[in-house]
């Protein structure tokens, strides 16, 4: 969905940050989208790996599907979690790749980054880090990752061409994308594209 020219992209990003900061700090709030550990289980996350994810991270899970349904990650792989939120996907991934692998979570919301770092510390995960950044300008060298996972994030970003250009840049040759996201089947009206609430949720 393209952003109408009369919507300010920075305002849109601020609203998205505000929404997901609230998911981090007030996970019990009634959002227009499902959240939490029970939702991740409904989506088919591996129960044994999800069980080890600390409650504080899992309660702020706000994914839309299960990127691991596209295949388990292999031991030793280097993984980028684009839009890592409170860290649930990253903390599942870190268990899959094991001590020889590494997971880097990226999110633009400081509250989510803080929660993800706390979750990693509680889990005792040494092979994961969380970086505050926007998806359109990733702070990584070319060909840094074997796999990119992402869950319900790309649909929130206005410049999808820039995001995919960055993902292909940071992926190694023969790397793979495991993306779970919202798609639309029909064009969105001009009025709908001007509705910031549709972009943030």
C-alpha atoms as a PDB file:
ATOM      1  CA  UNK A   1       0.000   0.000   0.000  1.00  0.00           C
ATOM      2  CA  UNK A   2       1.599   3.275  -1.107  1.00  0.00           C
ATOM      3  CA  UNK A   3       1.505   6.246   1.242  1.00  0.00           C
ATOM      4  CA  UNK A   4      -0.603   9.131  -0.123  1.00  0.00           C
ATOM      5  CA  UNK A   5       1.449  12.251  -0.788  1.00  0.00           C
ATOM      6  CA  UNK A   6      -0.546  14.207   1.793  1.00  0.00           C
ATOM      7  CA  UNK A   7       0.451  11.888   4.699  1.00  0.00           C
ATOM      8  CA  UNK A   8       3.691  12.825   6.401  1.00  0.00           C
ATOM      9  CA  UNK A   9       5.882   9.717   6.668  1.00  0.00           C
ATOM     10  CA  UNK A  10       7.558  10.933   9.873  1.00  0.00           C
ATOM     11  CA  UNK A  11       4.142  11.424  11.503  1.00  0.00           C
ATOM     12  CA  UNK A  12       3.201   7.929  10.415  1.00  0.00           C
ATOM     13  CA  UNK A  13       6.397   6.462  11.895  1.00  0.00           C
ATOM     14  CA  UNK A  14       5.763   8.334  15.169  1.00  0.00           C
ATOM     15  CA  UNK A  15       2.271   6.836  15.382  1.00  0.00           C
ATOM     16  CA  UNK A  16       3.598   3.339  14.686  1.00  0.00           C
ATOM     17  CA  UNK A  17       6.257   3.787  17.390  1.00  0.00           C
ATOM     18  CA  UNK A  18       3.601   5.019  19.818  1.00  0.00           C
ATOM     19  CA  UNK A  19       1.396   1.990  19.183  1.00  0.00           C
ATOM     20  CA  UNK A  20       4.186  -0.549  19.638  1.00  0.00           C
ATOM     21  CA  UNK A  21       5.653   1.260  22.631  1.00  0.00           C
ATOM     22  CA  UNK A  22       2.254   0.703  24.225  1.00  0.00           C
ATOM     23  CA  UNK A  23       2.350  -3.001  23.265  1.00  0.00           C
ATOM     24  CA  UNK A  24       5.660  -3.116  25.146  1.00  0.00           C
ATOM     25  CA  UNK A  25       4.674  -1.148  28.237  1.00  0.00           C
ATOM     26  CA  UNK A  26       0.982  -2.092  28.489  1.00  0.00           C
ATOM     27  CA  UNK A  27       0.680  -5.591  27.005  1.00  0.00           C
ATOM     28  CA  UNK A  28      -2.590  -6.167  28.863  1.00  0.00           C
ATOM     29  CA  UNK A  29      -4.248  -3.364  26.841  1.00  0.00           C
ATOM     30  CA  UNK A  30      -6.972  -4.431  24.391  1.00  0.00           C
ATOM     31  CA  UNK A  31      -5.369  -3.827  20.973  1.00  0.00           C
ATOM     32  CA  UNK A  32      -7.066  -4.242  17.597  1.00  0.00           C
ATOM     33  CA  UNK A  33      -4.657  -7.132  16.920  1.00  0.00           C
ATOM     34  CA  UNK A  34      -3.987 -10.233  19.055  1.00  0.00           C
ATOM     35  CA  UNK A  35      -0.924 -10.387  21.297  1.00  0.00           C
ATOM     36  CA  UNK A  36       0.822 -12.666  23.770  1.00  0.00           C
ATOM     37  CA  UNK A  37       2.151 -16.180  24.260  1.00  0.00           C
ATOM     38  CA  UNK A  38      -1.231 -17.883  23.687  1.00  0.00           C
ATOM     39  CA  UNK A  39      -1.465 -16.153  20.295  1.00  0.00           C
ATOM     40  CA  UNK A  40       2.026 -17.387  19.337  1.00  0.00           C
ATOM     41  CA  UNK A  41       0.988 -20.932  20.281  1.00  0.00           C
ATOM     42  CA  UNK A  42      -2.161 -20.573  18.156  1.00  0.00           C
ATOM     43  CA  UNK A  43       0.113 -19.615  15.252  1.00  0.00           C
ATOM     44  CA  UNK A  44       2.031 -22.872  15.617  1.00  0.00           C
ATOM     45  CA  UNK A  45       5.255 -21.741  17.280  1.00  0.00           C
ATOM     46  CA  UNK A  46       7.305 -24.680  18.628  1.00  0.00           C
ATOM     47  CA  UNK A  47       5.933 -25.061  22.185  1.00  0.00           C
ATOM     48  CA  UNK A  48       9.226 -26.260  23.682  1.00  0.00           C
ATOM     49  CA  UNK A  49      11.167 -23.248  22.346  1.00  0.00           C
ATOM     50  CA  UNK A  50       8.390 -20.755  23.060  1.00  0.00           C
ATOM     51  CA  UNK A  51       8.120 -22.009  26.633  1.00  0.00           C
ATOM     52  CA  UNK A  52      11.687 -20.839  27.323  1.00  0.00           C
ATOM     53  CA  UNK A  53      10.976 -17.283  26.124  1.00  0.00           C
ATOM     54  CA  UNK A  54      10.599 -15.097  29.237  1.00  0.00           C
ATOM     55  CA  UNK A  55       7.066 -13.949  30.048  1.00  0.00           C
ATOM     56  CA  UNK A  56       7.866 -10.247  29.632  1.00  0.00           C
ATOM     57  CA  UNK A  57       8.933 -10.782  26.012  1.00  0.00           C
ATOM     58  CA  UNK A  58       6.162 -13.237  25.167  1.00  0.00           C
ATOM     59  CA  UNK A  59       3.384 -11.040  26.595  1.00  0.00           C
ATOM     60  CA  UNK A  60       4.286  -8.302  24.080  1.00  0.00           C
ATOM     61  CA  UNK A  61       4.401 -10.657  21.077  1.00  0.00           C
ATOM     62  CA  UNK A  62       2.368  -9.030  18.283  1.00  0.00           C
ATOM     63  CA  UNK A  63       3.155 -11.146  15.232  1.00  0.00           C
ATOM     64  CA  UNK A  64       0.659 -11.975  12.514  1.00  0.00           C
ATOM     65  CA  UNK A  65       1.835 -15.489  11.562  1.00  0.00           C
ATOM     66  CA  UNK A  66       4.748 -17.885  12.086  1.00  0.00           C
ATOM     67  CA  UNK A  67       7.927 -17.325  10.035  1.00  0.00           C
ATOM     68  CA  UNK A  68       9.309 -20.643  11.336  1.00  0.00           C
ATOM     69  CA  UNK A  69       6.501 -22.492   9.530  1.00  0.00           C
ATOM     70  CA  UNK A  70       8.586 -21.828   6.392  1.00  0.00           C
ATOM     71  CA  UNK A  71      11.377 -23.942   7.872  1.00  0.00           C
ATOM     72  CA  UNK A  72      13.421 -24.317  11.026  1.00  0.00           C
ATOM     73  CA  UNK A  73      16.662 -22.392  11.272  1.00  0.00           C
ATOM     74  CA  UNK A  74      19.842 -24.454  11.147  1.00  0.00           C
ATOM     75  CA  UNK A  75      22.539 -24.553  13.825  1.00  0.00           C
ATOM     76  CA  UNK A  76      25.266 -22.024  13.084  1.00  0.00           C
ATOM     77  CA  UNK A  77      23.187 -19.709  10.894  1.00  0.00           C
ATOM     78  CA  UNK A  78      23.413 -15.912  11.154  1.00  0.00           C
ATOM     79  CA  UNK A  79      19.887 -14.488  11.355  1.00  0.00           C
ATOM     80  CA  UNK A  80      18.401 -11.006  11.066  1.00  0.00           C
ATOM     81  CA  UNK A  81      15.015 -10.517  12.741  1.00  0.00           C
ATOM     82  CA  UNK A  82      13.549  -7.441  11.037  1.00  0.00           C
ATOM     83  CA  UNK A  83      11.142  -5.664  13.383  1.00  0.00           C
ATOM     84  CA  UNK A  84      12.048  -7.840  16.347  1.00  0.00           C
ATOM     85  CA  UNK A  85       9.701  -6.118  18.791  1.00  0.00           C
ATOM     86  CA  UNK A  86       9.952  -7.507  22.324  1.00  0.00           C
ATOM     87  CA  UNK A  87      12.162 -10.314  21.044  1.00  0.00           C
ATOM     88  CA  UNK A  88       9.967 -13.413  20.940  1.00  0.00           C
ATOM     89  CA  UNK A  89      10.986 -14.451  17.410  1.00  0.00           C
ATOM     90  CA  UNK A  90      14.645 -13.634  18.083  1.00  0.00           C
ATOM     91  CA  UNK A  91      14.635 -15.678  21.288  1.00  0.00           C
ATOM     92  CA  UNK A  92      13.073 -18.657  19.508  1.00  0.00           C
ATOM     93  CA  UNK A  93      15.614 -18.238  16.683  1.00  0.00           C
ATOM     94  CA  UNK A  94      18.569 -18.079  19.084  1.00  0.00           C
ATOM     95  CA  UNK A  95      17.643 -21.519  20.419  1.00  0.00           C
ATOM     96  CA  UNK A  96      17.409 -22.929  16.872  1.00  0.00           C
ATOM     97  CA  UNK A  97      20.790 -21.626  15.691  1.00  0.00           C
ATOM     98  CA  UNK A  98      22.568 -22.621  18.893  1.00  0.00           C
ATOM     99  CA  UNK A  99      25.816 -21.244  20.300  1.00  0.00           C
ATOM    100  CA  UNK A 100      27.539 -21.422  16.907  1.00  0.00           C
ATOM    101  CA  UNK A 101      24.931 -19.168  15.324  1.00  0.00           C
ATOM    102  CA  UNK A 102      23.920 -15.577  15.931  1.00  0.00           C
ATOM    103  CA  UNK A 103      20.680 -13.587  15.856  1.00  0.00           C
ATOM    104  CA  UNK A 104      20.411  -9.827  15.412  1.00  0.00           C
ATOM    105  CA  UNK A 105      17.058  -8.223  16.139  1.00  0.00           C
ATOM    106  CA  UNK A 106      16.306  -4.794  14.670  1.00  0.00           C
ATOM    107  CA  UNK A 107      13.479  -2.535  15.770  1.00  0.00           C
ATOM    108  CA  UNK A 108      12.796   1.202  15.654  1.00  0.00           C
ATOM    109  CA  UNK A 109      10.933   1.340  18.988  1.00  0.00           C
ATOM    110  CA  UNK A 110      13.242   1.936  21.983  1.00  0.00           C
ATOM    111  CA  UNK A 111      10.764   0.406  24.452  1.00  0.00           C
ATOM    112  CA  UNK A 112      10.676  -2.819  22.451  1.00  0.00           C
ATOM    113  CA  UNK A 113      14.476  -2.930  22.191  1.00  0.00           C
ATOM    114  CA  UNK A 114      14.776  -2.548  25.974  1.00  0.00           C
ATOM    115  CA  UNK A 115      12.254  -5.325  26.581  1.00  0.00           C
ATOM    116  CA  UNK A 116      13.985  -7.637  24.083  1.00  0.00           C
ATOM    117  CA  UNK A 117      17.391  -7.056  25.693  1.00  0.00           C
ATOM    118  CA  UNK A 118      15.937  -7.812  29.125  1.00  0.00           C
ATOM    119  CA  UNK A 119      14.369 -11.007  27.762  1.00  0.00           C
ATOM    120  CA  UNK A 120      17.670 -12.131  26.250  1.00  0.00           C
ATOM    121  CA  UNK A 121      19.440 -11.504  29.563  1.00  0.00           C
ATOM    122  CA  UNK A 122      16.782 -13.471  31.457  1.00  0.00           C
ATOM    123  CA  UNK A 123      17.065 -16.358  28.979  1.00  0.00           C
ATOM    124  CA  UNK A 124      20.858 -16.210  29.277  1.00  0.00           C
ATOM    125  CA  UNK A 125      21.223 -16.035  25.497  1.00  0.00           C
ATOM    126  CA  UNK A 126      24.757 -15.056  24.512  1.00  0.00           C
ATOM    127  CA  UNK A 127      24.232 -15.293  20.746  1.00  0.00           C
ATOM    128  CA  UNK A 128      21.654 -12.536  20.268  1.00  0.00           C
ATOM    129  CA  UNK A 129      21.787  -8.748  20.115  1.00  0.00           C
ATOM    130  CA  UNK A 130      19.193  -6.040  19.549  1.00  0.00           C
ATOM    131  CA  UNK A 131      19.853  -2.916  17.496  1.00  0.00           C
ATOM    132  CA  UNK A 132      17.677   0.185  17.242  1.00  0.00           C
ATOM    133  CA  UNK A 133      17.342   1.047  13.561  1.00  0.00           C
ATOM    134  CA  UNK A 134      14.880   1.627  10.752  1.00  0.00           C
ATOM    135  CA  UNK A 135      14.405  -1.112   8.168  1.00  0.00           C
ATOM    136  CA  UNK A 136      15.045   1.200   5.215  1.00  0.00           C
ATOM    137  CA  UNK A 137      18.630   1.896   6.375  1.00  0.00           C
ATOM    138  CA  UNK A 138      20.115  -1.157   8.063  1.00  0.00           C
ATOM    139  CA  UNK A 139      23.463  -0.624   9.821  1.00  0.00           C
ATOM    140  CA  UNK A 140      25.038  -3.858   8.560  1.00  0.00           C
ATOM    141  CA  UNK A 141      27.588  -4.780   5.921  1.00  0.00           C
ATOM    142  CA  UNK A 142      26.587  -6.442   2.674  1.00  0.00           C
ATOM    143  CA  UNK A 143      26.066 -10.215   2.834  1.00  0.00           C
ATOM    144  CA  UNK A 144      25.973 -10.341   6.647  1.00  0.00           C
ATOM    145  CA  UNK A 145      23.133 -12.846   7.176  1.00  0.00           C
ATOM    146  CA  UNK A 146      22.110 -16.330   6.062  1.00  0.00           C
ATOM    147  CA  UNK A 147      18.439 -15.781   6.856  1.00  0.00           C
ATOM    148  CA  UNK A 148      16.087 -12.848   7.395  1.00  0.00           C
ATOM    149  CA  UNK A 149      12.946 -13.464   9.434  1.00  0.00           C
ATOM    150  CA  UNK A 150      10.220 -10.886   9.870  1.00  0.00           C
ATOM    151  CA  UNK A 151       6.746 -11.008  11.363  1.00  0.00           C
ATOM    152  CA  UNK A 152       4.037  -8.421  10.707  1.00  0.00           C
ATOM    153  CA  UNK A 153       6.425  -5.546  10.105  1.00  0.00           C
ATOM    154  CA  UNK A 154       6.937  -4.885   6.410  1.00  0.00           C
ATOM    155  CA  UNK A 155       3.251  -4.045   5.999  1.00  0.00           C
ATOM    156  CA  UNK A 156       3.794  -1.121   8.411  1.00  0.00           C
ATOM    157  CA  UNK A 157       6.655   0.395   6.412  1.00  0.00           C
ATOM    158  CA  UNK A 158       5.722   2.918   3.713  1.00  0.00           C
ATOM    159  CA  UNK A 159       8.749   2.392   1.419  1.00  0.00           C
ATOM    160  CA  UNK A 160       8.687  -1.338   0.786  1.00  0.00           C
ATOM    161  CA  UNK A 161      11.078  -1.087  -2.166  1.00  0.00           C
ATOM    162  CA  UNK A 162      13.727   0.376   0.161  1.00  0.00           C
ATOM    163  CA  UNK A 163      13.150  -2.376   2.720  1.00  0.00           C
ATOM    164  CA  UNK A 164      13.532  -5.204   0.212  1.00  0.00           C
ATOM    165  CA  UNK A 165      16.586  -3.552  -1.330  1.00  0.00           C
ATOM    166  CA  UNK A 166      18.184  -3.532   2.134  1.00  0.00           C
ATOM    167  CA  UNK A 167      17.184  -7.119   2.865  1.00  0.00           C
ATOM    168  CA  UNK A 168      18.721  -8.359  -0.383  1.00  0.00           C
ATOM    169  CA  UNK A 169      21.828  -6.271   0.315  1.00  0.00           C
ATOM    170  CA  UNK A 170      22.446  -7.784   3.756  1.00  0.00           C
ATOM    171  CA  UNK A 171      21.602 -11.370   2.739  1.00  0.00           C
ATOM    172  CA  UNK A 172      24.456 -13.649   1.733  1.00  0.00           C
ATOM    173  CA  UNK A 173      24.336 -15.327  -1.674  1.00  0.00           C
ATOM    174  CA  UNK A 174      21.711 -18.104  -1.582  1.00  0.00           C
ATOM    175  CA  UNK A 175      20.367 -16.639   1.678  1.00  0.00           C
ATOM    176  CA  UNK A 176      16.651 -16.836   2.343  1.00  0.00           C
ATOM    177  CA  UNK A 177      13.730 -14.725   3.532  1.00  0.00           C
ATOM    178  CA  UNK A 178      11.166 -16.169   5.955  1.00  0.00           C
ATOM    179  CA  UNK A 179       8.527 -13.458   6.121  1.00  0.00           C
ATOM    180  CA  UNK A 180       5.144 -13.630   7.825  1.00  0.00           C
ATOM    181  CA  UNK A 181       3.048 -10.590   7.041  1.00  0.00           C
ATOM    182  CA  UNK A 182      -0.300  -9.074   6.165  1.00  0.00           C
ATOM    183  CA  UNK A 183      -1.203  -8.842   2.510  1.00  0.00           C
ATOM    184  CA  UNK A 184      -4.171  -7.304   0.743  1.00  0.00           C
ATOM    185  CA  UNK A 185      -6.089  -8.808  -2.153  1.00  0.00           C
ATOM    186  CA  UNK A 186      -7.765  -5.630  -3.427  1.00  0.00           C
ATOM    187  CA  UNK A 187      -6.564  -2.058  -3.876  1.00  0.00           C
ATOM    188  CA  UNK A 188      -7.068   0.176  -0.828  1.00  0.00           C
ATOM    189  CA  UNK A 189      -9.108   3.318  -1.376  1.00  0.00           C
ATOM    190  CA  UNK A 190      -7.518   6.761  -1.133  1.00  0.00           C
ATOM    191  CA  UNK A 191      -9.531   7.366   2.029  1.00  0.00           C
ATOM    192  CA  UNK A 192      -8.267   4.112   3.521  1.00  0.00           C
ATOM    193  CA  UNK A 193      -4.648   4.990   2.699  1.00  0.00           C
ATOM    194  CA  UNK A 194      -5.069   8.285   4.562  1.00  0.00           C
ATOM    195  CA  UNK A 195      -6.230   6.495   7.722  1.00  0.00           C
ATOM    196  CA  UNK A 196      -3.164   6.348   9.988  1.00  0.00           C
ATOM    197  CA  UNK A 197      -4.909   3.827  12.266  1.00  0.00           C
ATOM    198  CA  UNK A 198      -4.941   1.322   9.379  1.00  0.00           C
ATOM    199  CA  UNK A 199      -1.182   1.768   8.987  1.00  0.00           C
ATOM    200  CA  UNK A 200      -0.367   1.361  12.690  1.00  0.00           C
ATOM    201  CA  UNK A 201      -2.374  -1.794  13.372  1.00  0.00           C
END
